[in-house]
Amino acid sequence: MHSVTVNADVPLSAKQTILIVEDDLTVVRLMRFCLERAGFEVRHAADGEKALLEFDSQVPPHLVLLDVMLPYHSGYDLLENMRARPLFADVAVIMLSSVDREYNVVKGLAAGANDYLAKPFRPAEVIARIRNLLETAQKVAQ
């Protein structure tokens, strides 16, 4: 598993930001609703190109929910790109995929994802995993 750190540019009292990189708008709407209700700020990139623009122009989020199969760039390619950027290198990543074969899970984790969830997933479980990753990152940062 890749280590995670809290974004030092964002005060711990600020809302934690989740970037959803997902092309299925039904999944995005569901996750946005659940995450905002849980107190997170949510940003969205609908494809690989928009994700790269987020990486170029934004303060890093606290965590990225990253779909594997996206238009323009795969989640694996985007993860590699993220890990090569100093500001994004330690951002927590949970990969989401409709493919949950062992090979794909291992590939995602080996590429630097902190977790991997198969679709369909339970939103409450995703939020619990997000909270666990972010709480661990805060403890490490202290």
N, C-alpha and C. Protein backbone atom coordinates (compact mmCIF):
# COMPACT_ATOMS: atom_id res chain seq x y z
N MET A 1 0.82 -1.18 0.00
CA MET A 1 0.00 0.00 0.00
C MET A 1 0.87 1.24 0.00
N HIS A 2 0.41 2.26 -0.66
CA HIS A 2 1.12 3.52 -0.75
C HIS A 2 0.84 4.33 0.50
N SER A 3 1.83 5.06 1.00
CA SER A 3 1.60 5.89 2.17
C SER A 3 0.76 7.10 1.79
N VAL A 4 0.12 7.66 2.78
CA VAL A 4 -0.78 8.79 2.56
C VAL A 4 -0.41 9.88 3.55
N THR A 5 -0.41 11.12 3.08
CA THR A 5 -0.21 12.23 3.99
C THR A 5 -1.35 13.22 3.81
N VAL A 6 -1.58 14.00 4.84
CA VAL A 6 -2.59 15.04 4.77
C VAL A 6 -2.01 16.20 3.98
N ASN A 7 -2.80 16.79 3.11
CA ASN A 7 -2.38 17.94 2.33
C ASN A 7 -2.03 19.09 3.29
N ALA A 8 -0.77 19.46 3.34
CA ALA A 8 -0.29 20.46 4.29
C ALA A 8 -0.82 21.86 3.99
N ASP A 9 -1.30 22.09 2.77
CA ASP A 9 -1.81 23.41 2.40
C ASP A 9 -3.22 23.66 2.93
N VAL A 10 -3.90 22.61 3.41
CA VAL A 10 -5.27 22.75 3.86
C VAL A 10 -5.31 22.54 5.37
N PRO A 11 -5.84 23.50 6.13
CA PRO A 11 -5.92 23.33 7.58
C PRO A 11 -6.76 22.11 7.92
N LEU A 12 -6.40 21.41 9.00
CA LEU A 12 -7.13 20.22 9.38
C LEU A 12 -8.58 20.52 9.70
N SER A 13 -8.90 21.76 10.08
CA SER A 13 -10.27 22.11 10.40
C SER A 13 -11.12 22.35 9.15
N ALA A 14 -10.48 22.51 8.00
CA ALA A 14 -11.21 22.74 6.75
C ALA A 14 -11.90 21.46 6.31
N LYS A 15 -12.92 21.63 5.47
CA LYS A 15 -13.59 20.45 4.91
C LYS A 15 -12.60 19.65 4.09
N GLN A 16 -12.67 18.35 4.21
CA GLN A 16 -11.79 17.50 3.41
C GLN A 16 -12.41 17.34 2.02
N THR A 17 -11.55 17.38 1.01
CA THR A 17 -12.00 17.36 -0.37
C THR A 17 -11.76 16.00 -1.00
N ILE A 18 -12.79 15.52 -1.70
CA ILE A 18 -12.72 14.26 -2.44
C ILE A 18 -12.88 14.60 -3.92
N LEU A 19 -11.96 14.13 -4.74
CA LEU A 19 -12.07 14.25 -6.20
C LEU A 19 -12.58 12.92 -6.73
N ILE A 20 -13.73 12.95 -7.40
CA ILE A 20 -14.28 11.76 -8.03
C ILE A 20 -13.90 11.80 -9.51
N VAL A 21 -13.14 10.82 -9.96
CA VAL A 21 -12.79 10.71 -11.38
C VAL A 21 -13.58 9.51 -11.90
N GLU A 22 -14.70 9.82 -12.54
CA GLU A 22 -15.68 8.80 -12.91
C GLU A 22 -16.51 9.30 -14.07
N ASP A 23 -16.74 8.44 -15.08
CA ASP A 23 -17.53 8.85 -16.23
C ASP A 23 -19.00 8.44 -16.13
N ASP A 24 -19.36 7.59 -15.20
CA ASP A 24 -20.74 7.16 -15.02
C ASP A 24 -21.44 8.17 -14.12
N LEU A 25 -22.31 8.99 -14.71
CA LEU A 25 -22.93 10.07 -13.95
C LEU A 25 -23.87 9.58 -12.86
N THR A 26 -24.41 8.37 -13.00
CA THR A 26 -25.24 7.81 -11.93
C THR A 26 -24.39 7.56 -10.69
N VAL A 27 -23.20 7.00 -10.89
CA VAL A 27 -22.28 6.76 -9.78
C VAL A 27 -21.85 8.10 -9.16
N VAL A 28 -21.56 9.07 -10.01
CA VAL A 28 -21.12 10.39 -9.52
C VAL A 28 -22.21 11.03 -8.67
N ARG A 29 -23.45 11.03 -9.17
CA ARG A 29 -24.54 11.65 -8.41
C ARG A 29 -24.73 10.99 -7.05
N LEU A 30 -24.71 9.66 -7.04
CA LEU A 30 -24.87 8.91 -5.79
C LEU A 30 -23.74 9.23 -4.81
N MET A 31 -22.50 9.17 -5.30
CA MET A 31 -21.35 9.41 -4.42
C MET A 31 -21.30 10.87 -3.96
N ARG A 32 -21.60 11.80 -4.85
CA ARG A 32 -21.60 13.22 -4.47
C ARG A 32 -22.62 13.45 -3.34
N PHE A 33 -23.82 12.91 -3.51
CA PHE A 33 -24.86 13.07 -2.49
C PHE A 33 -24.38 12.51 -1.15
N CYS A 34 -23.88 11.28 -1.16
CA CYS A 34 -23.44 10.62 0.08
C CYS A 34 -22.25 11.33 0.71
N LEU A 35 -21.28 11.73 -0.10
CA LEU A 35 -20.08 12.38 0.42
C LEU A 35 -20.39 13.78 0.99
N GLU A 36 -21.21 14.54 0.27
CA GLU A 36 -21.56 15.87 0.77
C GLU A 36 -22.38 15.76 2.05
N ARG A 37 -23.26 14.79 2.11
CA ARG A 37 -24.05 14.55 3.32
C ARG A 37 -23.14 14.16 4.50
N ALA A 38 -22.03 13.48 4.20
CA ALA A 38 -21.06 13.08 5.23
C ALA A 38 -20.11 14.21 5.59
N GLY A 39 -20.25 15.38 4.94
CA GLY A 39 -19.45 16.54 5.31
C GLY A 39 -18.22 16.80 4.45
N PHE A 40 -18.09 16.10 3.33
CA PHE A 40 -16.95 16.30 2.44
C PHE A 40 -17.28 17.32 1.36
N GLU A 41 -16.26 17.99 0.87
CA GLU A 41 -16.37 18.81 -0.33
C GLU A 41 -16.05 17.89 -1.50
N VAL A 42 -16.79 18.00 -2.59
CA VAL A 42 -16.62 17.08 -3.71
C VAL A 42 -16.31 17.84 -4.99
N ARG A 43 -15.29 17.37 -5.69
CA ARG A 43 -14.97 17.83 -7.05
C ARG A 43 -15.13 16.63 -7.97
N HIS A 44 -15.31 16.90 -9.27
CA HIS A 44 -15.55 15.82 -10.21
C HIS A 44 -14.81 16.05 -11.52
N ALA A 45 -14.23 14.98 -12.04
CA ALA A 45 -13.64 14.96 -13.38
C ALA A 45 -14.28 13.79 -14.11
N ALA A 46 -14.90 14.06 -15.26
CA ALA A 46 -15.69 13.05 -15.96
C ALA A 46 -14.88 12.13 -16.87
N ASP A 47 -13.61 12.46 -17.10
CA ASP A 47 -12.79 11.61 -17.96
C ASP A 47 -11.31 11.87 -17.65
N GLY A 48 -10.45 11.14 -18.34
CA GLY A 48 -9.01 11.25 -18.09
C GLY A 48 -8.45 12.63 -18.39
N GLU A 49 -8.94 13.27 -19.42
CA GLU A 49 -8.45 14.61 -19.77
C GLU A 49 -8.82 15.62 -18.69
N LYS A 50 -10.05 15.56 -18.20
CA LYS A 50 -10.48 16.48 -17.15
C LYS A 50 -9.72 16.20 -15.85
N ALA A 51 -9.40 14.95 -15.61
CA ALA A 51 -8.61 14.61 -14.42
C ALA A 51 -7.23 15.25 -14.50
N LEU A 52 -6.60 15.18 -15.68
CA LEU A 52 -5.28 15.81 -15.83
C LEU A 52 -5.36 17.31 -15.60
N LEU A 53 -6.45 17.94 -16.04
CA LEU A 53 -6.63 19.37 -15.79
C LEU A 53 -6.75 19.64 -14.29
N GLU A 54 -7.45 18.77 -13.58
CA GLU A 54 -7.53 18.90 -12.11
C GLU A 54 -6.13 18.80 -11.50
N PHE A 55 -5.33 17.86 -12.00
CA PHE A 55 -3.98 17.69 -11.46
C PHE A 55 -3.13 18.92 -11.73
N ASP A 56 -3.38 19.59 -12.88
CA ASP A 56 -2.59 20.76 -13.26
C ASP A 56 -3.02 22.03 -12.53
N SER A 57 -4.31 22.19 -12.27
CA SER A 57 -4.80 23.51 -11.87
C SER A 57 -5.35 23.61 -10.46
N GLN A 58 -5.42 22.55 -9.73
CA GLN A 58 -6.07 22.59 -8.43
C GLN A 58 -5.11 22.26 -7.29
N VAL A 59 -5.48 22.70 -6.12
CA VAL A 59 -4.83 22.24 -4.91
C VAL A 59 -5.21 20.77 -4.79
N PRO A 60 -4.28 19.90 -4.43
CA PRO A 60 -4.62 18.48 -4.36
C PRO A 60 -5.76 18.20 -3.38
N PRO A 61 -6.63 17.27 -3.74
CA PRO A 61 -7.69 16.88 -2.81
C PRO A 61 -7.08 16.02 -1.70
N HIS A 62 -7.87 15.71 -0.71
CA HIS A 62 -7.41 14.81 0.34
C HIS A 62 -7.43 13.36 -0.14
N LEU A 63 -8.36 13.05 -1.05
CA LEU A 63 -8.51 11.68 -1.54
C LEU A 63 -9.11 11.71 -2.93
N VAL A 64 -8.74 10.72 -3.75
CA VAL A 64 -9.30 10.57 -5.09
C VAL A 64 -10.00 9.23 -5.18
N LEU A 65 -11.26 9.27 -5.64
CA LEU A 65 -11.97 8.05 -6.03
C LEU A 65 -11.76 7.94 -7.53
N LEU A 66 -11.05 6.92 -7.97
CA LEU A 66 -10.56 6.84 -9.35
C LEU A 66 -11.09 5.61 -10.05
N ASP A 67 -11.93 5.83 -11.05
CA ASP A 67 -12.44 4.74 -11.88
C ASP A 67 -11.29 4.18 -12.71
N VAL A 68 -11.34 2.90 -13.01
CA VAL A 68 -10.28 2.27 -13.81
C VAL A 68 -10.50 2.53 -15.29
N MET A 69 -11.73 2.33 -15.76
CA MET A 69 -12.01 2.46 -17.19
C MET A 69 -12.64 3.82 -17.46
N LEU A 70 -11.86 4.70 -18.08
CA LEU A 70 -12.28 6.06 -18.36
C LEU A 70 -11.97 6.42 -19.81
N PRO A 71 -12.71 7.37 -20.37
CA PRO A 71 -12.34 7.89 -21.69
C PRO A 71 -10.99 8.62 -21.61
N TYR A 72 -10.20 8.50 -22.65
CA TYR A 72 -8.92 9.19 -22.88
C TYR A 72 -7.73 8.62 -22.12
N HIS A 73 -7.85 8.34 -20.83
CA HIS A 73 -6.75 7.78 -20.05
C HIS A 73 -7.33 6.80 -19.05
N SER A 74 -6.68 5.66 -18.89
CA SER A 74 -7.16 4.70 -17.89
C SER A 74 -6.85 5.20 -16.49
N GLY A 75 -7.55 4.64 -15.52
CA GLY A 75 -7.26 4.97 -14.13
C GLY A 75 -5.83 4.62 -13.75
N TYR A 76 -5.31 3.54 -14.33
CA TYR A 76 -3.92 3.15 -14.04
C TYR A 76 -2.95 4.22 -14.54
N ASP A 77 -3.21 4.73 -15.76
CA ASP A 77 -2.35 5.80 -16.30
C ASP A 77 -2.44 7.06 -15.45
N LEU A 78 -3.66 7.41 -15.04
CA LEU A 78 -3.83 8.60 -14.20
C LEU A 78 -3.16 8.44 -12.85
N LEU A 79 -3.22 7.24 -12.29
CA LEU A 79 -2.57 7.00 -11.02
C LEU A 79 -1.06 7.16 -11.15
N GLU A 80 -0.50 6.63 -12.22
CA GLU A 80 0.93 6.79 -12.46
C GLU A 80 1.29 8.27 -12.60
N ASN A 81 0.46 9.01 -13.31
CA ASN A 81 0.67 10.44 -13.50
C ASN A 81 0.61 11.17 -12.15
N MET A 82 -0.38 10.82 -11.33
CA MET A 82 -0.51 11.44 -10.01
C MET A 82 0.73 11.20 -9.16
N ARG A 83 1.17 9.96 -9.11
CA ARG A 83 2.28 9.58 -8.23
C ARG A 83 3.58 10.24 -8.68
N ALA A 84 3.67 10.67 -9.94
CA ALA A 84 4.87 11.34 -10.44
C ALA A 84 4.87 12.84 -10.12
N ARG A 85 3.76 13.35 -9.63
CA ARG A 85 3.66 14.78 -9.31
C ARG A 85 3.88 14.99 -7.81
N PRO A 86 4.83 15.83 -7.44
CA PRO A 86 5.11 16.02 -6.01
C PRO A 86 3.88 16.38 -5.17
N LEU A 87 3.02 17.26 -5.66
CA LEU A 87 1.85 17.66 -4.87
C LEU A 87 0.81 16.55 -4.74
N PHE A 88 0.81 15.60 -5.67
CA PHE A 88 -0.19 14.53 -5.68
C PHE A 88 0.38 13.18 -5.27
N ALA A 89 1.67 13.11 -5.06
CA ALA A 89 2.33 11.83 -4.83
C ALA A 89 1.76 11.06 -3.65
N ASP A 90 1.34 11.75 -2.61
CA ASP A 90 0.87 11.08 -1.41
C ASP A 90 -0.63 11.21 -1.17
N VAL A 91 -1.36 11.68 -2.17
CA VAL A 91 -2.81 11.78 -2.03
C VAL A 91 -3.39 10.36 -2.00
N ALA A 92 -4.30 10.12 -1.06
CA ALA A 92 -4.95 8.82 -0.95
C ALA A 92 -5.79 8.54 -2.20
N VAL A 93 -5.75 7.29 -2.67
CA VAL A 93 -6.51 6.89 -3.86
C VAL A 93 -7.24 5.59 -3.59
N ILE A 94 -8.53 5.62 -3.89
CA ILE A 94 -9.33 4.39 -3.89
C ILE A 94 -9.76 4.18 -5.33
N MET A 95 -9.34 3.06 -5.91
CA MET A 95 -9.73 2.74 -7.28
C MET A 95 -11.08 2.05 -7.27
N LEU A 96 -11.91 2.39 -8.25
CA LEU A 96 -13.24 1.80 -8.42
C LEU A 96 -13.29 1.13 -9.78
N SER A 97 -13.82 -0.09 -9.82
CA SER A 97 -13.88 -0.78 -11.10
C SER A 97 -15.00 -1.80 -11.12
N SER A 98 -15.55 -2.02 -12.30
CA SER A 98 -16.52 -3.10 -12.46
C SER A 98 -15.79 -4.43 -12.64
N VAL A 99 -14.47 -4.37 -12.74
CA VAL A 99 -13.64 -5.58 -12.87
C VAL A 99 -12.94 -5.83 -11.54
N ASP A 100 -13.25 -6.96 -10.91
CA ASP A 100 -12.63 -7.23 -9.62
C ASP A 100 -11.81 -8.51 -9.61
N ARG A 101 -11.32 -8.89 -10.78
CA ARG A 101 -10.43 -10.06 -10.83
C ARG A 101 -9.15 -9.75 -10.06
N GLU A 102 -8.58 -10.78 -9.49
CA GLU A 102 -7.39 -10.61 -8.65
C GLU A 102 -6.29 -9.83 -9.38
N TYR A 103 -6.08 -10.12 -10.65
CA TYR A 103 -5.05 -9.45 -11.43
C TYR A 103 -5.26 -7.93 -11.40
N ASN A 104 -6.51 -7.48 -11.61
CA ASN A 104 -6.79 -6.05 -11.67
C ASN A 104 -6.62 -5.38 -10.31
N VAL A 105 -7.06 -6.07 -9.26
CA VAL A 105 -6.91 -5.52 -7.91
C VAL A 105 -5.43 -5.37 -7.58
N VAL A 106 -4.65 -6.41 -7.85
CA VAL A 106 -3.21 -6.38 -7.56
C VAL A 106 -2.54 -5.30 -8.40
N LYS A 107 -2.92 -5.17 -9.66
CA LYS A 107 -2.35 -4.14 -10.54
C LYS A 107 -2.61 -2.74 -9.98
N GLY A 108 -3.82 -2.49 -9.52
CA GLY A 108 -4.15 -1.18 -8.95
C GLY A 108 -3.38 -0.89 -7.68
N LEU A 109 -3.31 -1.87 -6.79
CA LEU A 109 -2.57 -1.68 -5.54
C LEU A 109 -1.08 -1.53 -5.79
N ALA A 110 -0.54 -2.31 -6.73
CA ALA A 110 0.88 -2.21 -7.07
C ALA A 110 1.21 -0.87 -7.72
N ALA A 111 0.24 -0.28 -8.42
CA ALA A 111 0.47 1.01 -9.07
C ALA A 111 0.42 2.17 -8.08
N GLY A 112 0.02 1.89 -6.84
CA GLY A 112 0.03 2.95 -5.83
C GLY A 112 -1.32 3.30 -5.24
N ALA A 113 -2.38 2.57 -5.60
CA ALA A 113 -3.68 2.82 -4.98
C ALA A 113 -3.62 2.36 -3.52
N ASN A 114 -4.35 3.04 -2.67
CA ASN A 114 -4.42 2.67 -1.27
C ASN A 114 -5.50 1.63 -1.01
N ASP A 115 -6.48 1.56 -1.92
CA ASP A 115 -7.57 0.60 -1.79
C ASP A 115 -8.18 0.41 -3.17
N TYR A 116 -8.98 -0.65 -3.29
CA TYR A 116 -9.60 -1.00 -4.57
C TYR A 116 -10.97 -1.57 -4.26
N LEU A 117 -12.01 -1.01 -4.85
CA LEU A 117 -13.37 -1.48 -4.63
C LEU A 117 -14.02 -1.85 -5.95
N ALA A 118 -14.75 -2.95 -5.93
CA ALA A 118 -15.48 -3.39 -7.12
C ALA A 118 -16.87 -2.76 -7.14
N LYS A 119 -17.32 -2.40 -8.34
CA LYS A 119 -18.69 -1.93 -8.53
C LYS A 119 -19.57 -3.17 -8.77
N PRO A 120 -20.79 -3.17 -8.34
CA PRO A 120 -21.41 -2.11 -7.53
C PRO A 120 -20.87 -2.17 -6.11
N PHE A 121 -20.78 -1.03 -5.49
CA PHE A 121 -20.28 -0.94 -4.12
C PHE A 121 -21.37 -0.33 -3.25
N ARG A 122 -21.18 -0.43 -1.96
CA ARG A 122 -22.11 0.16 -1.00
C ARG A 122 -21.54 1.51 -0.58
N PRO A 123 -22.28 2.59 -0.81
CA PRO A 123 -21.76 3.93 -0.48
C PRO A 123 -21.30 4.06 0.97
N ALA A 124 -22.01 3.46 1.91
CA ALA A 124 -21.59 3.56 3.31
C ALA A 124 -20.23 2.92 3.52
N GLU A 125 -19.95 1.84 2.80
CA GLU A 125 -18.63 1.19 2.91
C GLU A 125 -17.55 2.09 2.31
N VAL A 126 -17.85 2.73 1.19
CA VAL A 126 -16.87 3.64 0.58
C VAL A 126 -16.55 4.78 1.55
N ILE A 127 -17.57 5.35 2.17
CA ILE A 127 -17.34 6.45 3.11
C ILE A 127 -16.53 5.97 4.31
N ALA A 128 -16.81 4.77 4.80
CA ALA A 128 -16.04 4.23 5.92
C ALA A 128 -14.58 4.04 5.52
N ARG A 129 -14.32 3.55 4.33
CA ARG A 129 -12.94 3.37 3.86
C ARG A 129 -12.24 4.72 3.69
N ILE A 130 -12.97 5.71 3.17
CA ILE A 130 -12.42 7.06 3.02
C ILE A 130 -12.04 7.61 4.39
N ARG A 131 -12.94 7.52 5.34
CA ARG A 131 -12.67 8.03 6.69
C ARG A 131 -11.46 7.33 7.31
N ASN A 132 -11.36 6.02 7.14
CA ASN A 132 -10.21 5.28 7.68
C ASN A 132 -8.91 5.76 7.07
N LEU A 133 -8.87 5.91 5.76
CA LEU A 133 -7.64 6.38 5.10
C LEU A 133 -7.27 7.78 5.57
N LEU A 134 -8.25 8.67 5.66
CA LEU A 134 -7.97 10.05 6.04
C LEU A 134 -7.58 10.15 7.52
N GLU A 135 -8.20 9.37 8.37
CA GLU A 135 -7.82 9.38 9.79
C GLU A 135 -6.40 8.84 9.97
N THR A 136 -6.06 7.79 9.24
CA THR A 136 -4.69 7.26 9.31
C THR A 136 -3.70 8.30 8.83
N ALA A 137 -4.03 9.01 7.77
CA ALA A 137 -3.14 10.05 7.24
C ALA A 137 -2.94 11.17 8.26
N GLN A 138 -4.00 11.55 8.96
CA GLN A 138 -3.88 12.61 9.96
C GLN A 138 -2.98 12.16 11.11
N LYS A 139 -3.12 10.91 11.53
CA LYS A 139 -2.27 10.39 12.62
C LYS A 139 -0.80 10.37 12.20
N VAL A 140 -0.53 9.98 10.97
CA VAL A 140 0.84 9.94 10.46
C VAL A 140 1.42 11.35 10.38
N ALA A 141 0.59 12.32 10.00
CA ALA A 141 1.05 13.70 9.84
C ALA A 141 1.37 14.36 11.18
N GLN A 142 0.79 13.86 12.25
CA GLN A 142 1.01 14.48 13.57
C GLN A 142 2.26 14.04 14.15
